[in-house]
Amino acid sequence: MNRLNAKPRLPWHNDFPLAPDQVATILAADLPELRGARVIELGDGWDYSTYLANDEWVFRFPKRRQCVRALAREKRMLDALAAPLQGDDIAIPHYHYHVLRPAKFALAYAGYPLLRGDPLSNHDMTSLDRIGLGRQLGGFLQRLHRAAPAPAPRIYHDELPSHILDFRQELDEIARVLPARLVAACRELFGKAPPPFSGAPLFQHGDLGAEHILVDPARGRIVGIIDWGDASWGNPVRDVVGLWTWGGDAAVTAAQSTWQHTLGSDDWSRLRFWGASYAIGCAYFGYKDGRDALYATALGWLERMYSAGQLSDPGTPDV
């Protein structure tokens, strides 16, 4: 093997790739009620490959061994949230299956009933009511905070500073394919990182990107939130980063009215800085993984932020 020409191992590399027919075989061996199930690939994320069985069950298969423990933790967290969030107008996954020792697969996997809806990232902010969605999400975040299944940590360190090196590296790796003006503005952004947050953390989803918010476009409502592996106590703005990246200041201002959490000027700077970094990360993932639609969406977000002056200065409000 010529190692000089080998492709670099990407962070979301799959050590255990599966085709739908292989998943059907795995399910049939472990779950008799799903013998003969129709299986299609539903999605492929950073840590899990996801498949849909009989248009009813979502199964998540870890892509690497280290993801097994995270999947078990996610199930425990969602089990603890099930009762306090029961009947909420925004659904969360409830794992029905957790196969610890599969007969025909190397790692534990889990499944839950399908939450129907489209990722918010698939829709332009002009096609949905961002004010209404912001208010709805803010109310959910307030209820989620009250439902925290674990006490707040006695000592909390802001997680944003530790991510900045990753954001810089992602920008460097796709700089050659981005418009030069965006690259220059993003580099200026990283020179103006906001000070670390030193206040009280909130219990949160922890990875609430626009791709994890499911909407019903016909009703203009959020109907579900998925991918809870990072749920924990953290920087209060983290759970509105995806909302801001998609819908701007107006969507987050609307969320504040029901979230019962008011952002100060430093919080807004952190939010816009993190939102721009999240958009860079989406562009990086989209480009490196060959997801043209995701790359185009992220590029559109960055263009909007550039036009508003928020890439050069995250303290700048929307125009």
C-alpha atoms as a PDB file:
ATOM      1  CA  MET A   1       0.000   0.000   0.000  1.00  0.00           C
ATOM      2  CA  ASN A   2       1.285   3.443  -0.896  1.00  0.00           C
ATOM      3  CA  ARG A   3       0.685   5.336   2.349  1.00  0.00           C
ATOM      4  CA  LEU A   4       1.670   8.621   0.707  1.00  0.00           C
ATOM      5  CA  ASN A   5      -1.428   8.359  -1.511  1.00  0.00           C
ATOM      6  CA  ALA A   6      -3.788   6.988   1.141  1.00  0.00           C
ATOM      7  CA  LYS A   7      -6.797   9.101   1.970  1.00  0.00           C
ATOM      8  CA  PRO A   8      -6.676  10.698   5.432  1.00  0.00           C
ATOM      9  CA  ARG A   9      -8.912   9.149   8.072  1.00  0.00           C
ATOM     10  CA  LEU A  10     -11.772  11.580   8.665  1.00  0.00           C
ATOM     11  CA  PRO A  11     -13.246  12.042  12.177  1.00  0.00           C
ATOM     12  CA  TRP A  12     -16.520  10.373  11.159  1.00  0.00           C
ATOM     13  CA  HIS A  13     -14.809   7.332   9.615  1.00  0.00           C
ATOM     14  CA  ASN A  14     -16.931   4.185   9.745  1.00  0.00           C
ATOM     15  CA  ASP A  15     -15.064   1.139  11.045  1.00  0.00           C
ATOM     16  CA  PHE A  16     -18.181  -1.033  10.672  1.00  0.00           C
ATOM     17  CA  PRO A  17     -19.930  -0.069   7.392  1.00  0.00           C
ATOM     18  CA  LEU A  18     -23.256  -1.719   6.666  1.00  0.00           C
ATOM     19  CA  ALA A  19     -25.581  -2.037   3.689  1.00  0.00           C
ATOM     20  CA  PRO A  20     -29.367  -2.169   4.214  1.00  0.00           C
ATOM     21  CA  ASP A  21     -29.512  -5.895   3.429  1.00  0.00           C
ATOM     22  CA  GLN A  22     -26.877  -6.551   6.103  1.00  0.00           C
ATOM     23  CA  VAL A  23     -28.898  -4.534   8.608  1.00  0.00           C
ATOM     24  CA  ALA A  24     -31.981  -6.589   7.738  1.00  0.00           C
ATOM     25  CA  THR A  25     -30.004  -9.756   8.481  1.00  0.00           C
ATOM     26  CA  ILE A  26     -28.757  -8.344  11.798  1.00  0.00           C
ATOM     27  CA  LEU A  27     -32.251  -7.340  12.884  1.00  0.00           C
ATOM     28  CA  ALA A  28     -33.720 -10.699  11.892  1.00  0.00           C
ATOM     29  CA  ALA A  29     -31.140 -12.525  14.006  1.00  0.00           C
ATOM     30  CA  ASP A  30     -31.748 -10.424  17.121  1.00  0.00           C
ATOM     31  CA  LEU A  31     -35.391  -9.355  16.854  1.00  0.00           C
ATOM     32  CA  PRO A  32     -37.770 -12.052  15.593  1.00  0.00           C
ATOM     33  CA  GLU A  33     -40.596  -9.549  15.151  1.00  0.00           C
ATOM     34  CA  LEU A  34     -38.517  -7.781  12.497  1.00  0.00           C
ATOM     35  CA  ARG A  35     -37.688 -10.796  10.373  1.00  0.00           C
ATOM     36  CA  GLY A  36     -38.243  -9.850   6.753  1.00  0.00           C
ATOM     37  CA  ALA A  37     -38.217  -6.141   7.571  1.00  0.00           C
ATOM     38  CA  ARG A  38     -37.788  -3.657   4.723  1.00  0.00           C
ATOM     39  CA  VAL A  39     -34.674  -1.656   5.529  1.00  0.00           C
ATOM     40  CA  ILE A  40     -33.417   1.553   3.940  1.00  0.00           C
ATOM     41  CA  GLU A  41     -30.544   3.827   4.886  1.00  0.00           C
ATOM     42  CA  LEU A  42     -31.888   6.868   6.694  1.00  0.00           C
ATOM     43  CA  GLY A  43     -28.750   8.885   7.347  1.00  0.00           C
ATOM     44  CA  ASP A  44     -25.059   8.789   8.114  1.00  0.00           C
ATOM     45  CA  GLY A  45     -23.776  11.096  10.839  1.00  0.00           C
ATOM     46  CA  TRP A  46     -20.562  11.729  12.689  1.00  0.00           C
ATOM     47  CA  ASP A  47     -20.863   8.756  15.068  1.00  0.00           C
ATOM     48  CA  TYR A  48     -23.735   6.572  13.847  1.00  0.00           C
ATOM     49  CA  SER A  49     -25.177   5.048  10.696  1.00  0.00           C
ATOM     50  CA  THR A  50     -28.968   5.161  10.810  1.00  0.00           C
ATOM     51  CA  TYR A  51     -31.448   2.847   9.115  1.00  0.00           C
ATOM     52  CA  LEU A  52     -35.239   2.743   8.862  1.00  0.00           C
ATOM     53  CA  ALA A  53     -37.032  -0.590   9.237  1.00  0.00           C
ATOM     54  CA  ASN A  54     -40.586  -1.021   7.931  1.00  0.00           C
ATOM     55  CA  ASP A  55     -41.002   2.772   7.776  1.00  0.00           C
ATOM     56  CA  GLU A  56     -41.452   2.604  11.552  1.00  0.00           C
ATOM     57  CA  TRP A  57     -38.251   1.901  13.466  1.00  0.00           C
ATOM     58  CA  VAL A  58     -35.037   3.947  13.449  1.00  0.00           C
ATOM     59  CA  PHE A  59     -31.929   1.899  14.281  1.00  0.00           C
ATOM     60  CA  ARG A  60     -28.615   3.536  15.136  1.00  0.00           C
ATOM     61  CA  PHE A  61     -25.427   1.541  14.598  1.00  0.00           C
ATOM     62  CA  PRO A  62     -22.145   2.892  16.066  1.00  0.00           C
ATOM     63  CA  LYS A  63     -19.463   3.628  13.496  1.00  0.00           C
ATOM     64  CA  ARG A  64     -16.586   3.106  15.945  1.00  0.00           C
ATOM     65  CA  ARG A  65     -16.132   1.153  19.178  1.00  0.00           C
ATOM     66  CA  GLN A  66     -15.891   4.303  21.297  1.00  0.00           C
ATOM     67  CA  CYS A  67     -19.418   5.266  20.232  1.00  0.00           C
ATOM     68  CA  VAL A  68     -20.991   2.277  22.025  1.00  0.00           C
ATOM     69  CA  ARG A  69     -20.707   3.803  25.481  1.00  0.00           C
ATOM     70  CA  ALA A  70     -22.062   7.132  24.206  1.00  0.00           C
ATOM     71  CA  LEU A  71     -25.115   5.363  22.760  1.00  0.00           C
ATOM     72  CA  ALA A  72     -25.809   3.688  26.119  1.00  0.00           C
ATOM     73  CA  ARG A  73     -25.474   7.037  27.880  1.00  0.00           C
ATOM     74  CA  GLU A  74     -27.862   8.650  25.400  1.00  0.00           C
ATOM     75  CA  LYS A  75     -30.452   5.951  26.041  1.00  0.00           C
ATOM     76  CA  ARG A  76     -30.204   6.436  29.817  1.00  0.00           C
ATOM     77  CA  MET A  77     -30.553  10.197  29.399  1.00  0.00           C
ATOM     78  CA  LEU A  78     -33.620   9.891  27.184  1.00  0.00           C
ATOM     79  CA  ASP A  79     -35.170   7.334  29.550  1.00  0.00           C
ATOM     80  CA  ALA A  80     -34.783   9.863  32.371  1.00  0.00           C
ATOM     81  CA  LEU A  81     -36.349  12.649  30.284  1.00  0.00           C
ATOM     82  CA  ALA A  82     -39.284  10.550  29.060  1.00  0.00           C
ATOM     83  CA  ALA A  83     -41.593  11.158  32.030  1.00  0.00           C
ATOM     84  CA  PRO A  84     -41.030  14.906  32.550  1.00  0.00           C
ATOM     85  CA  LEU A  85     -41.354  15.611  28.811  1.00  0.00           C
ATOM     86  CA  GLN A  86     -44.210  13.186  28.188  1.00  0.00           C
ATOM     87  CA  GLY A  87     -46.899  14.739  26.000  1.00  0.00           C
ATOM     88  CA  ASP A  88     -44.709  17.669  24.977  1.00  0.00           C
ATOM     89  CA  ASP A  89     -45.575  19.181  21.598  1.00  0.00           C
ATOM     90  CA  ILE A  90     -41.952  18.529  20.573  1.00  0.00           C
ATOM     91  CA  ALA A  91     -41.180  14.815  20.633  1.00  0.00           C
ATOM     92  CA  ILE A  92     -37.895  13.204  21.666  1.00  0.00           C
ATOM     93  CA  PRO A  93     -36.741   9.651  20.812  1.00  0.00           C
ATOM     94  CA  HIS A  94     -37.700   6.826  23.178  1.00  0.00           C
ATOM     95  CA  TYR A  95     -35.473   3.802  22.683  1.00  0.00           C
ATOM     96  CA  HIS A  96     -37.501   0.606  22.549  1.00  0.00           C
ATOM     97  CA  TYR A  97     -34.606  -1.644  21.538  1.00  0.00           C
ATOM     98  CA  HIS A  98     -31.064  -1.802  22.895  1.00  0.00           C
ATOM     99  CA  VAL A  99     -29.282  -4.922  21.662  1.00  0.00           C
ATOM    100  CA  LEU A 100     -26.192  -5.321  23.804  1.00  0.00           C
ATOM    101  CA  ARG A 101     -24.785  -8.532  22.266  1.00  0.00           C
ATOM    102  CA  PRO A 102     -25.924  -8.858  18.659  1.00  0.00           C
ATOM    103  CA  ALA A 103     -25.655 -12.230  16.988  1.00  0.00           C
ATOM    104  CA  LYS A 104     -24.353 -10.860  13.671  1.00  0.00           C
ATOM    105  CA  PHE A 105     -22.803  -7.471  14.472  1.00  0.00           C
ATOM    106  CA  ALA A 106     -19.766  -6.549  16.545  1.00  0.00           C
ATOM    107  CA  LEU A 107     -21.236  -3.633  18.516  1.00  0.00           C
ATOM    108  CA  ALA A 108     -24.337  -2.871  20.563  1.00  0.00           C
ATOM    109  CA  TYR A 109     -27.019  -0.941  18.666  1.00  0.00           C
ATOM    110  CA  ALA A 110     -30.387   0.613  19.509  1.00  0.00           C
ATOM    111  CA  GLY A 111     -33.701   1.549  17.938  1.00  0.00           C
ATOM    112  CA  TYR A 112     -36.680   3.834  18.544  1.00  0.00           C
ATOM    113  CA  PRO A 113     -40.001   4.620  16.826  1.00  0.00           C
ATOM    114  CA  LEU A 114     -39.534   7.027  13.917  1.00  0.00           C
ATOM    115  CA  LEU A 115     -40.107  10.710  14.640  1.00  0.00           C
ATOM    116  CA  ARG A 116     -41.623  12.086  11.457  1.00  0.00           C
ATOM    117  CA  GLY A 117     -40.474  15.463  10.209  1.00  0.00           C
ATOM    118  CA  ASP A 118     -37.940  17.239   8.006  1.00  0.00           C
ATOM    119  CA  PRO A 119     -34.629  18.634   9.323  1.00  0.00           C
ATOM    120  CA  LEU A 120     -34.848  22.394   9.718  1.00  0.00           C
ATOM    121  CA  SER A 121     -31.612  22.660   7.737  1.00  0.00           C
ATOM    122  CA  ASN A 122     -33.505  21.469   4.627  1.00  0.00           C
ATOM    123  CA  HIS A 123     -35.644  24.616   4.620  1.00  0.00           C
ATOM    124  CA  ASP A 124     -34.785  28.237   3.899  1.00  0.00           C
ATOM    125  CA  MET A 125     -35.700  30.631   6.696  1.00  0.00           C
ATOM    126  CA  THR A 126     -38.004  32.542   4.326  1.00  0.00           C
ATOM    127  CA  SER A 127     -40.164  29.425   3.843  1.00  0.00           C
ATOM    128  CA  LEU A 128     -41.087  29.055   7.527  1.00  0.00           C
ATOM    129  CA  ASP A 129     -42.173  31.351  10.350  1.00  0.00           C
ATOM    130  CA  ARG A 130     -38.868  31.836  12.170  1.00  0.00           C
ATOM    131  CA  ILE A 131     -40.533  33.890  14.920  1.00  0.00           C
ATOM    132  CA  GLY A 132     -43.057  31.160  15.646  1.00  0.00           C
ATOM    133  CA  LEU A 133     -40.385  28.465  15.526  1.00  0.00           C
ATOM    134  CA  GLY A 134     -38.152  30.510  17.818  1.00  0.00           C
ATOM    135  CA  ARG A 135     -40.913  30.879  20.393  1.00  0.00           C
ATOM    136  CA  GLN A 136     -41.717  27.188  20.221  1.00  0.00           C
ATOM    137  CA  LEU A 137     -38.088  26.141  20.664  1.00  0.00           C
ATOM    138  CA  GLY A 138     -37.557  28.596  23.515  1.00  0.00           C
ATOM    139  CA  GLY A 139     -40.466  27.081  25.427  1.00  0.00           C
ATOM    140  CA  PHE A 140     -39.086  23.595  24.899  1.00  0.00           C
ATOM    141  CA  LEU A 141     -35.634  24.631  26.156  1.00  0.00           C
ATOM    142  CA  GLN A 142     -37.213  26.025  29.309  1.00  0.00           C
ATOM    143  CA  ARG A 143     -39.069  22.761  29.924  1.00  0.00           C
ATOM    144  CA  LEU A 144     -35.899  20.782  29.179  1.00  0.00           C
ATOM    145  CA  HIS A 145     -33.943  22.818  31.719  1.00  0.00           C
ATOM    146  CA  ARG A 146     -36.559  22.110  34.393  1.00  0.00           C
ATOM    147  CA  ALA A 147     -36.469  18.397  33.504  1.00  0.00           C
ATOM    148  CA  ALA A 148     -32.694  18.073  34.032  1.00  0.00           C
ATOM    149  CA  PRO A 149     -32.055  14.471  35.140  1.00  0.00           C
ATOM    150  CA  ALA A 150     -28.762  15.336  36.841  1.00  0.00           C
ATOM    151  CA  PRO A 151     -27.710  18.186  39.130  1.00  0.00           C
ATOM    152  CA  ALA A 152     -25.624  21.062  37.813  1.00  0.00           C
ATOM    153  CA  PRO A 153     -21.859  20.586  38.159  1.00  0.00           C
ATOM    154  CA  ARG A 154     -20.216  22.330  41.087  1.00  0.00           C
ATOM    155  CA  ILE A 155     -17.422  23.549  38.798  1.00  0.00           C
ATOM    156  CA  TYR A 156     -18.145  24.489  35.198  1.00  0.00           C
ATOM    157  CA  HIS A 157     -15.716  25.480  32.450  1.00  0.00           C
ATOM    158  CA  ASP A 158     -17.032  26.992  29.222  1.00  0.00           C
ATOM    159  CA  GLU A 159     -16.717  24.473  26.399  1.00  0.00           C
ATOM    160  CA  LEU A 160     -16.470  27.026  23.568  1.00  0.00           C
ATOM    161  CA  PRO A 161     -12.754  27.904  23.951  1.00  0.00           C
ATOM    162  CA  SER A 162     -11.739  24.246  23.680  1.00  0.00           C
ATOM    163  CA  HIS A 163     -13.541  23.969  20.315  1.00  0.00           C
ATOM    164  CA  ILE A 164     -11.875  26.964  18.659  1.00  0.00           C
ATOM    165  CA  LEU A 165      -8.789  25.007  17.519  1.00  0.00           C
ATOM    166  CA  ASP A 166     -11.104  22.492  15.810  1.00  0.00           C
ATOM    167  CA  PHE A 167     -13.018  25.310  14.101  1.00  0.00           C
ATOM    168  CA  ARG A 168      -9.772  26.828  12.828  1.00  0.00           C
ATOM    169  CA  GLN A 169      -8.575  23.486  11.466  1.00  0.00           C
ATOM    170  CA  GLU A 170     -11.884  22.881   9.677  1.00  0.00           C
ATOM    171  CA  LEU A 171     -11.614  26.289   8.013  1.00  0.00           C
ATOM    172  CA  ASP A 172      -8.022  25.601   6.963  1.00  0.00           C
ATOM    173  CA  GLU A 173      -9.010  22.291   5.381  1.00  0.00           C
ATOM    174  CA  ILE A 174     -11.683  23.795   3.124  1.00  0.00           C
ATOM    175  CA  ALA A 175     -10.218  27.285   2.608  1.00  0.00           C
ATOM    176  CA  ARG A 176      -9.242  26.519  -0.985  1.00  0.00           C
ATOM    177  CA  VAL A 177     -12.840  25.814  -2.017  1.00  0.00           C
ATOM    178  CA  LEU A 178     -14.506  28.735  -0.209  1.00  0.00           C
ATOM    179  CA  PRO A 179     -14.748  32.244  -1.696  1.00  0.00           C
ATOM    180  CA  ALA A 180     -11.619  34.166  -0.694  1.00  0.00           C
ATOM    181  CA  ARG A 181     -13.633  36.982   0.913  1.00  0.00           C
ATOM    182  CA  LEU A 182     -15.373  34.487   3.221  1.00  0.00           C
ATOM    183  CA  VAL A 183     -12.077  32.873   4.210  1.00  0.00           C
ATOM    184  CA  ALA A 184     -10.561  36.267   5.052  1.00  0.00           C
ATOM    185  CA  ALA A 185     -13.614  37.266   7.108  1.00  0.00           C
ATOM    186  CA  CYS A 186     -13.642  33.926   8.965  1.00  0.00           C
ATOM    187  CA  ARG A 187      -9.969  34.296   9.824  1.00  0.00           C
ATOM    188  CA  GLU A 188     -10.769  37.754  11.157  1.00  0.00           C
ATOM    189  CA  LEU A 189     -13.602  36.202  13.180  1.00  0.00           C
ATOM    190  CA  PHE A 190     -11.227  33.775  14.904  1.00  0.00           C
ATOM    191  CA  GLY A 191      -9.100  36.731  15.977  1.00  0.00           C
ATOM    192  CA  LYS A 192     -12.110  38.125  17.868  1.00  0.00           C
ATOM    193  CA  ALA A 193     -13.186  35.176  19.972  1.00  0.00           C
ATOM    194  CA  PRO A 194     -15.446  36.312  22.840  1.00  0.00           C
ATOM    195  CA  PRO A 195     -14.328  35.888  26.454  1.00  0.00           C
ATOM    196  CA  PRO A 196     -15.192  32.567  28.131  1.00  0.00           C
ATOM    197  CA  PHE A 197     -18.612  32.326  29.740  1.00  0.00           C
ATOM    198  CA  SER A 198     -18.337  32.387  33.534  1.00  0.00           C
ATOM    199  CA  GLY A 199     -22.003  32.276  34.547  1.00  0.00           C
ATOM    200  CA  ALA A 200     -24.261  29.391  35.504  1.00  0.00           C
ATOM    201  CA  PRO A 201     -24.696  26.576  32.945  1.00  0.00           C
ATOM    202  CA  LEU A 202     -28.070  25.265  31.783  1.00  0.00           C
ATOM    203  CA  PHE A 203     -29.072  21.668  31.126  1.00  0.00           C
ATOM    204  CA  GLN A 204     -29.316  21.316  27.353  1.00  0.00           C
ATOM    205  CA  HIS A 205     -29.396  19.107  24.287  1.00  0.00           C
ATOM    206  CA  GLY A 206     -25.770  20.038  23.638  1.00  0.00           C
ATOM    207  CA  ASP A 207     -25.706  19.569  19.848  1.00  0.00           C
ATOM    208  CA  LEU A 208     -28.844  21.321  18.653  1.00  0.00           C
ATOM    209  CA  GLY A 209     -27.825  22.017  15.101  1.00  0.00           C
ATOM    210  CA  ALA A 210     -30.504  22.769  12.524  1.00  0.00           C
ATOM    211  CA  GLU A 211     -30.157  19.198  11.235  1.00  0.00           C
ATOM    212  CA  HIS A 212     -31.372  17.847  14.600  1.00  0.00           C
ATOM    213  CA  ILE A 213     -34.537  19.975  14.709  1.00  0.00           C
ATOM    214  CA  LEU A 214     -37.408  18.254  12.881  1.00  0.00           C
ATOM    215  CA  VAL A 215     -40.217  20.393  11.477  1.00  0.00           C
ATOM    216  CA  ASP A 216     -43.572  19.820   9.840  1.00  0.00           C
ATOM    217  CA  PRO A 217     -43.453  22.399   7.023  1.00  0.00           C
ATOM    218  CA  ALA A 218     -47.187  22.076   6.366  1.00  0.00           C
ATOM    219  CA  ARG A 219     -47.996  23.214   9.903  1.00  0.00           C
ATOM    220  CA  GLY A 220     -44.913  25.386  10.336  1.00  0.00           C
ATOM    221  CA  ARG A 221     -44.120  23.671  13.639  1.00  0.00           C
ATOM    222  CA  ILE A 222     -41.207  21.906  15.283  1.00  0.00           C
ATOM    223  CA  VAL A 223     -42.284  18.305  15.821  1.00  0.00           C
ATOM    224  CA  GLY A 224     -39.170  16.575  17.140  1.00  0.00           C
ATOM    225  CA  ILE A 225     -35.569  16.837  18.282  1.00  0.00           C
ATOM    226  CA  ILE A 226     -33.117  13.984  17.677  1.00  0.00           C
ATOM    227  CA  ASP A 227     -29.483  13.006  18.429  1.00  0.00           C
ATOM    228  CA  TRP A 228     -29.196  13.487  22.192  1.00  0.00           C
ATOM    229  CA  GLY A 229     -25.724  12.039  22.723  1.00  0.00           C
ATOM    230  CA  ASP A 230     -24.264  15.337  23.972  1.00  0.00           C
ATOM    231  CA  ALA A 231     -27.034  16.267  26.430  1.00  0.00           C
ATOM    232  CA  SER A 232     -25.426  17.835  29.513  1.00  0.00           C
ATOM    233  CA  TRP A 233     -24.988  21.074  31.424  1.00  0.00           C
ATOM    234  CA  GLY A 234     -23.299  23.782  29.382  1.00  0.00           C
ATOM    235  CA  ASN A 235     -23.036  27.279  27.979  1.00  0.00           C
ATOM    236  CA  PRO A 236     -26.607  28.646  27.736  1.00  0.00           C
ATOM    237  CA  VAL A 237     -26.227  29.871  24.150  1.00  0.00           C
ATOM    238  CA  ARG A 238     -25.206  26.471  22.806  1.00  0.00           C
ATOM    239  CA  ASP A 239     -28.766  25.230  22.304  1.00  0.00           C
ATOM    240  CA  VAL A 240     -29.745  28.221  20.158  1.00  0.00           C
ATOM    241  CA  VAL A 241     -26.653  28.141  17.921  1.00  0.00           C
ATOM    242  CA  GLY A 242     -28.467  26.088  15.267  1.00  0.00           C
ATOM    243  CA  LEU A 243     -31.561  28.283  15.475  1.00  0.00           C
ATOM    244  CA  TRP A 244     -29.464  31.449  15.073  1.00  0.00           C
ATOM    245  CA  THR A 245     -27.431  30.029  12.179  1.00  0.00           C
ATOM    246  CA  TRP A 246     -30.654  29.154  10.373  1.00  0.00           C
ATOM    247  CA  GLY A 247     -32.866  32.110  11.335  1.00  0.00           C
ATOM    248  CA  GLY A 248     -30.626  34.922  12.619  1.00  0.00           C
ATOM    249  CA  ASP A 249     -31.140  37.335  15.520  1.00  0.00           C
ATOM    250  CA  ALA A 250     -34.917  37.534  15.072  1.00  0.00           C
ATOM    251  CA  ALA A 251     -35.430  33.798  15.670  1.00  0.00           C
ATOM    252  CA  VAL A 252     -33.353  33.823  18.875  1.00  0.00           C
ATOM    253  CA  THR A 253     -34.958  37.058  20.117  1.00  0.00           C
ATOM    254  CA  ALA A 254     -38.317  35.302  19.738  1.00  0.00           C
ATOM    255  CA  ALA A 255     -36.979  32.279  21.626  1.00  0.00           C
ATOM    256  CA  GLN A 256     -36.017  34.478  24.590  1.00  0.00           C
ATOM    257  CA  SER A 257     -39.682  35.325  25.236  1.00  0.00           C
ATOM    258  CA  THR A 258     -40.537  31.714  26.088  1.00  0.00           C
ATOM    259  CA  TRP A 259     -37.094  30.442  27.088  1.00  0.00           C
ATOM    260  CA  GLN A 260     -37.106  32.848  30.045  1.00  0.00           C
ATOM    261  CA  HIS A 261     -33.414  33.442  29.515  1.00  0.00           C
ATOM    262  CA  THR A 262     -32.160  36.848  28.404  1.00  0.00           C
ATOM    263  CA  LEU A 263     -28.928  37.170  26.442  1.00  0.00           C
ATOM    264  CA  GLY A 264     -26.520  39.977  27.248  1.00  0.00           C
ATOM    265  CA  SER A 265     -24.190  41.593  24.727  1.00  0.00           C
ATOM    266  CA  ASP A 266     -21.379  39.114  25.435  1.00  0.00           C
ATOM    267  CA  ASP A 267     -23.857  36.249  25.025  1.00  0.00           C
ATOM    268  CA  TRP A 268     -24.889  37.550  21.609  1.00  0.00           C
ATOM    269  CA  SER A 269     -21.244  37.757  20.559  1.00  0.00           C
ATOM    270  CA  ARG A 270     -20.661  34.201  21.740  1.00  0.00           C
ATOM    271  CA  LEU A 271     -23.779  33.054  19.916  1.00  0.00           C
ATOM    272  CA  ARG A 272     -22.820  34.663  16.602  1.00  0.00           C
ATOM    273  CA  PHE A 273     -19.213  33.457  16.919  1.00  0.00           C
ATOM    274  CA  TRP A 274     -20.390  29.913  17.622  1.00  0.00           C
ATOM    275  CA  GLY A 275     -23.027  30.101  14.903  1.00  0.00           C
ATOM    276  CA  ALA A 276     -20.455  31.133  12.303  1.00  0.00           C
ATOM    277  CA  SER A 277     -18.142  28.355  13.498  1.00  0.00           C
ATOM    278  CA  TYR A 278     -20.996  25.854  13.256  1.00  0.00           C
ATOM    279  CA  ALA A 279     -21.636  26.995   9.671  1.00  0.00           C
ATOM    280  CA  ILE A 280     -17.932  26.479   8.894  1.00  0.00           C
ATOM    281  CA  GLY A 281     -18.173  22.997  10.414  1.00  0.00           C
ATOM    282  CA  CYS A 282     -21.216  22.174   8.290  1.00  0.00           C
ATOM    283  CA  ALA A 283     -19.390  23.356   5.164  1.00  0.00           C
ATOM    284  CA  TYR A 284     -16.398  21.231   6.159  1.00  0.00           C
ATOM    285  CA  PHE A 285     -18.525  18.118   6.765  1.00  0.00           C
ATOM    286  CA  GLY A 286     -20.534  18.697   3.601  1.00  0.00           C
ATOM    287  CA  TYR A 287     -17.484  19.167   1.392  1.00  0.00           C
ATOM    288  CA  LYS A 288     -15.345  16.390   2.848  1.00  0.00           C
ATOM    289  CA  ASP A 289     -18.196  13.864   2.875  1.00  0.00           C
ATOM    290  CA  GLY A 290     -19.510  14.757  -0.577  1.00  0.00           C
ATOM    291  CA  ARG A 291     -22.812  16.192   0.686  1.00  0.00           C
ATOM    292  CA  ASP A 292     -23.401  18.911  -1.864  1.00  0.00           C
ATOM    293  CA  ALA A 293     -26.724  20.083  -0.396  1.00  0.00           C
ATOM    294  CA  LEU A 294     -25.254  20.511   3.087  1.00  0.00           C
ATOM    295  CA  TYR A 295     -22.236  22.363   1.705  1.00  0.00           C
ATOM    296  CA  ALA A 296     -24.485  24.702  -0.304  1.00  0.00           C
ATOM    297  CA  THR A 297     -26.695  25.368   2.730  1.00  0.00           C
ATOM    298  CA  ALA A 298     -23.690  26.161   4.926  1.00  0.00           C
ATOM    299  CA  LEU A 299     -22.229  28.426   2.237  1.00  0.00           C
ATOM    300  CA  GLY A 300     -25.532  30.321   2.123  1.00  0.00           C
ATOM    301  CA  TRP A 301     -25.424  30.797   5.903  1.00  0.00           C
ATOM    302  CA  LEU A 302     -21.869  32.139   5.709  1.00  0.00           C
ATOM    303  CA  GLU A 303     -22.788  34.504   2.870  1.00  0.00           C
ATOM    304  CA  ARG A 304     -25.636  35.931   4.981  1.00  0.00           C
ATOM    305  CA  MET A 305     -23.329  36.421   7.964  1.00  0.00           C
ATOM    306  CA  TYR A 306     -20.711  38.027   5.717  1.00  0.00           C
ATOM    307  CA  SER A 307     -23.260  40.472   4.319  1.00  0.00           C
ATOM    308  CA  ALA A 308     -24.308  41.417   7.868  1.00  0.00           C
ATOM    309  CA  GLY A 309     -20.672  41.957   8.928  1.00  0.00           C
ATOM    310  CA  GLN A 310     -20.922  39.183  11.544  1.00  0.00           C
ATOM    311  CA  LEU A 311     -17.977  37.160  10.252  1.00  0.00           C
ATOM    312  CA  SER A 312     -15.633  40.071  10.770  1.00  0.00           C
ATOM    313  CA  ASP A 313     -17.257  41.126  14.049  1.00  0.00           C
ATOM    314  CA  PRO A 314     -19.579  38.753  15.972  1.00  0.00           C
ATOM    315  CA  GLY A 315     -20.814  41.717  18.020  1.00  0.00           C
ATOM    316  CA  THR A 316     -22.689  43.006  14.966  1.00  0.00           C
ATOM    317  CA  PRO A 317     -26.475  42.531  15.043  1.00  0.00           C
ATOM    318  CA  ASP A 318     -28.468  41.541  11.969  1.00  0.00           C
ATOM    319  CA  VAL A 319     -29.052  44.255   9.400  1.00  0.00           C
END
